[in-house]
């Protein structure tokens, strides 16, 4: 259970650092910076999980990967899934597909509401 906290805190620290770095070096909208930071973090965590799966050590908890996708890392999740050929078997890992699809739809609706409907 302790490794959940380690992976979760490490992911949060990476996403926060990336957010700060991107936000202060671009003129992007804060929501776009948020999506970029969490996408990069999710992509890295998918790659790390794939690496750890080959070495048979402690793996990245699925909860952490799902949480990152829901928080905005779904583009990085889709990219990591297909680039690393990781968690692509829908029979074995249906929740990854469901969470990524629902996250993409949810953030798409949120983007539409904020940018096109006026906030």
C-alpha atoms as a PDB file:
ATOM      1  CA  UNK A   1       0.000   0.000   0.000  1.00  0.00           C
ATOM      2  CA  UNK A   2       2.915   2.339   0.652  1.00  0.00           C
ATOM      3  CA  UNK A   3       3.959   2.224  -2.999  1.00  0.00           C
ATOM      4  CA  UNK A   4       0.534   3.686  -3.921  1.00  0.00           C
ATOM      5  CA  UNK A   5       1.476   6.787  -1.968  1.00  0.00           C
ATOM      6  CA  UNK A   6       4.930   6.890  -3.554  1.00  0.00           C
ATOM      7  CA  UNK A   7       3.629   6.624  -7.107  1.00  0.00           C
ATOM      8  CA  UNK A   8       0.778   9.029  -6.367  1.00  0.00           C
ATOM      9  CA  UNK A   9       2.990  11.670  -4.756  1.00  0.00           C
ATOM     10  CA  UNK A  10       5.642  11.273  -7.459  1.00  0.00           C
ATOM     11  CA  UNK A  11       3.021  11.722 -10.172  1.00  0.00           C
ATOM     12  CA  UNK A  12       1.526  14.749  -8.427  1.00  0.00           C
ATOM     13  CA  UNK A  13       4.969  16.326  -8.017  1.00  0.00           C
ATOM     14  CA  UNK A  14       5.790  15.709 -11.688  1.00  0.00           C
ATOM     15  CA  UNK A  15       2.477  17.168 -12.885  1.00  0.00           C
ATOM     16  CA  UNK A  16       2.815  20.224 -10.602  1.00  0.00           C
ATOM     17  CA  UNK A  17       6.387  20.842 -11.745  1.00  0.00           C
ATOM     18  CA  UNK A  18       5.417  20.535 -15.389  1.00  0.00           C
ATOM     19  CA  UNK A  19       2.435  22.830 -14.873  1.00  0.00           C
ATOM     20  CA  UNK A  20       4.656  25.474 -13.285  1.00  0.00           C
ATOM     21  CA  UNK A  21       7.312  25.112 -15.998  1.00  0.00           C
ATOM     22  CA  UNK A  22       4.867  25.253 -18.915  1.00  0.00           C
ATOM     23  CA  UNK A  23       2.680  27.997 -17.421  1.00  0.00           C
ATOM     24  CA  UNK A  24       5.596  30.351 -16.799  1.00  0.00           C
ATOM     25  CA  UNK A  25       7.223  29.748 -20.195  1.00  0.00           C
ATOM     26  CA  UNK A  26       4.209  29.985 -22.501  1.00  0.00           C
ATOM     27  CA  UNK A  27       1.142  32.135 -23.008  1.00  0.00           C
ATOM     28  CA  UNK A  28      -1.182  29.131 -23.098  1.00  0.00           C
ATOM     29  CA  UNK A  29      -4.543  29.035 -21.422  1.00  0.00           C
ATOM     30  CA  UNK A  30      -4.220  27.555 -17.888  1.00  0.00           C
ATOM     31  CA  UNK A  31      -6.552  24.673 -18.807  1.00  0.00           C
ATOM     32  CA  UNK A  32      -4.369  23.780 -21.812  1.00  0.00           C
ATOM     33  CA  UNK A  33      -1.317  23.879 -19.540  1.00  0.00           C
ATOM     34  CA  UNK A  34      -3.130  21.594 -17.080  1.00  0.00           C
ATOM     35  CA  UNK A  35      -3.943  19.073 -19.842  1.00  0.00           C
ATOM     36  CA  UNK A  36      -0.368  19.205 -21.173  1.00  0.00           C
ATOM     37  CA  UNK A  37       1.189  18.705 -17.732  1.00  0.00           C
ATOM     38  CA  UNK A  38      -1.045  15.767 -16.845  1.00  0.00           C
ATOM     39  CA  UNK A  39      -0.683  14.257 -20.332  1.00  0.00           C
ATOM     40  CA  UNK A  40       3.104  14.256 -20.116  1.00  0.00           C
ATOM     41  CA  UNK A  41       2.953  12.811 -16.600  1.00  0.00           C
ATOM     42  CA  UNK A  42       0.498  10.086 -17.648  1.00  0.00           C
ATOM     43  CA  UNK A  43       2.608   9.222 -20.693  1.00  0.00           C
ATOM     44  CA  UNK A  44       5.720   8.884 -18.515  1.00  0.00           C
ATOM     45  CA  UNK A  45       3.845   6.741 -15.991  1.00  0.00           C
ATOM     46  CA  UNK A  46       2.601   4.399 -18.751  1.00  0.00           C
ATOM     47  CA  UNK A  47       6.188   4.051 -19.965  1.00  0.00           C
ATOM     48  CA  UNK A  48       7.413   3.430 -16.433  1.00  0.00           C
ATOM     49  CA  UNK A  49       4.727   0.793 -15.878  1.00  0.00           C
ATOM     50  CA  UNK A  50       5.706  -0.952 -19.110  1.00  0.00           C
ATOM     51  CA  UNK A  51       9.361  -0.943 -18.042  1.00  0.00           C
ATOM     52  CA  UNK A  52       8.464  -2.257 -14.596  1.00  0.00           C
ATOM     53  CA  UNK A  53       6.280  -4.978 -16.114  1.00  0.00           C
ATOM     54  CA  UNK A  54       9.329  -6.381 -17.914  1.00  0.00           C
ATOM     55  CA  UNK A  55      11.527  -6.355 -14.822  1.00  0.00           C
ATOM     56  CA  UNK A  56       8.820  -7.919 -12.595  1.00  0.00           C
ATOM     57  CA  UNK A  57       9.255  -5.404  -9.786  1.00  0.00           C
ATOM     58  CA  UNK A  58       6.600  -3.241  -8.144  1.00  0.00           C
ATOM     59  CA  UNK A  59       4.281  -1.829 -10.804  1.00  0.00           C
ATOM     60  CA  UNK A  60       2.557   1.507 -11.186  1.00  0.00           C
ATOM     61  CA  UNK A  61      -0.839   1.051  -9.507  1.00  0.00           C
ATOM     62  CA  UNK A  62      -3.757   1.044 -11.943  1.00  0.00           C
ATOM     63  CA  UNK A  63      -5.529   3.494  -9.656  1.00  0.00           C
ATOM     64  CA  UNK A  64      -2.763   6.052 -10.254  1.00  0.00           C
ATOM     65  CA  UNK A  65      -2.974   5.611 -14.038  1.00  0.00           C
ATOM     66  CA  UNK A  66      -6.771   5.988 -13.931  1.00  0.00           C
ATOM     67  CA  UNK A  67      -6.588   9.051 -11.659  1.00  0.00           C
ATOM     68  CA  UNK A  68      -4.067  10.740 -13.950  1.00  0.00           C
ATOM     69  CA  UNK A  69      -6.300  10.108 -16.964  1.00  0.00           C
ATOM     70  CA  UNK A  70      -9.359  11.495 -15.197  1.00  0.00           C
ATOM     71  CA  UNK A  71      -7.459  14.591 -14.051  1.00  0.00           C
ATOM     72  CA  UNK A  72      -6.612  15.453 -17.659  1.00  0.00           C
ATOM     73  CA  UNK A  73      -3.916  13.054 -18.748  1.00  0.00           C
ATOM     74  CA  UNK A  74      -6.085  11.148 -21.202  1.00  0.00           C
ATOM     75  CA  UNK A  75      -4.075  12.269 -24.308  1.00  0.00           C
ATOM     76  CA  UNK A  76      -0.907  10.971 -22.662  1.00  0.00           C
ATOM     77  CA  UNK A  77      -2.750   7.810 -21.638  1.00  0.00           C
ATOM     78  CA  UNK A  78      -3.875   7.079 -25.192  1.00  0.00           C
ATOM     79  CA  UNK A  79      -0.399   7.890 -26.538  1.00  0.00           C
ATOM     80  CA  UNK A  80       1.349   5.780 -23.919  1.00  0.00           C
ATOM     81  CA  UNK A  81      -1.064   2.906 -24.407  1.00  0.00           C
ATOM     82  CA  UNK A  82      -0.361   2.635 -28.114  1.00  0.00           C
ATOM     83  CA  UNK A  83       3.281   3.765 -28.292  1.00  0.00           C
ATOM     84  CA  UNK A  84       4.349   1.339 -25.576  1.00  0.00           C
ATOM     85  CA  UNK A  85       1.779  -1.330 -26.594  1.00  0.00           C
ATOM     86  CA  UNK A  86       0.755  -1.377 -22.969  1.00  0.00           C
ATOM     87  CA  UNK A  87      -2.688  -2.215 -21.574  1.00  0.00           C
ATOM     88  CA  UNK A  88      -4.071  -2.418 -25.124  1.00  0.00           C
ATOM     89  CA  UNK A  89      -5.850  -5.764 -24.685  1.00  0.00           C
ATOM     90  CA  UNK A  90      -9.459  -4.729 -24.158  1.00  0.00           C
ATOM     91  CA  UNK A  91     -10.347  -8.192 -22.859  1.00  0.00           C
ATOM     92  CA  UNK A  92      -7.750  -8.051 -20.055  1.00  0.00           C
ATOM     93  CA  UNK A  93      -7.870  -4.314 -19.335  1.00  0.00           C
ATOM     94  CA  UNK A  94     -11.359  -3.005 -20.173  1.00  0.00           C
ATOM     95  CA  UNK A  95     -11.230  -0.320 -17.466  1.00  0.00           C
ATOM     96  CA  UNK A  96      -8.310   1.434 -19.136  1.00  0.00           C
ATOM     97  CA  UNK A  97     -10.327   1.861 -22.309  1.00  0.00           C
ATOM     98  CA  UNK A  98     -13.442   2.945 -20.424  1.00  0.00           C
ATOM     99  CA  UNK A  99     -11.634   5.455 -18.202  1.00  0.00           C
ATOM    100  CA  UNK A 100      -9.676   6.960 -21.103  1.00  0.00           C
ATOM    101  CA  UNK A 101     -12.779   7.246 -23.299  1.00  0.00           C
ATOM    102  CA  UNK A 102     -14.917   8.783 -20.540  1.00  0.00           C
ATOM    103  CA  UNK A 103     -12.104  11.168 -19.599  1.00  0.00           C
ATOM    104  CA  UNK A 104     -11.758  12.325 -23.204  1.00  0.00           C
ATOM    105  CA  UNK A 105     -15.516  12.855 -23.484  1.00  0.00           C
ATOM    106  CA  UNK A 106     -15.714  14.621 -20.130  1.00  0.00           C
ATOM    107  CA  UNK A 107     -12.840  16.967 -20.846  1.00  0.00           C
ATOM    108  CA  UNK A 108     -14.193  17.588 -24.344  1.00  0.00           C
ATOM    109  CA  UNK A 109     -17.520  18.666 -22.853  1.00  0.00           C
ATOM    110  CA  UNK A 110     -15.729  20.787 -20.270  1.00  0.00           C
ATOM    111  CA  UNK A 111     -13.671  22.463 -23.009  1.00  0.00           C
ATOM    112  CA  UNK A 112     -16.782  23.110 -25.073  1.00  0.00           C
ATOM    113  CA  UNK A 113     -18.568  24.622 -22.095  1.00  0.00           C
ATOM    114  CA  UNK A 114     -15.656  26.850 -20.998  1.00  0.00           C
ATOM    115  CA  UNK A 115     -14.505  28.074 -24.386  1.00  0.00           C
ATOM    116  CA  UNK A 116     -17.634  28.124 -26.513  1.00  0.00           C
ATOM    117  CA  UNK A 117     -20.504  28.617 -24.105  1.00  0.00           C
ATOM    118  CA  UNK A 118     -18.745  31.245 -22.035  1.00  0.00           C
ATOM    119  CA  UNK A 119     -17.970  30.787 -18.406  1.00  0.00           C
END
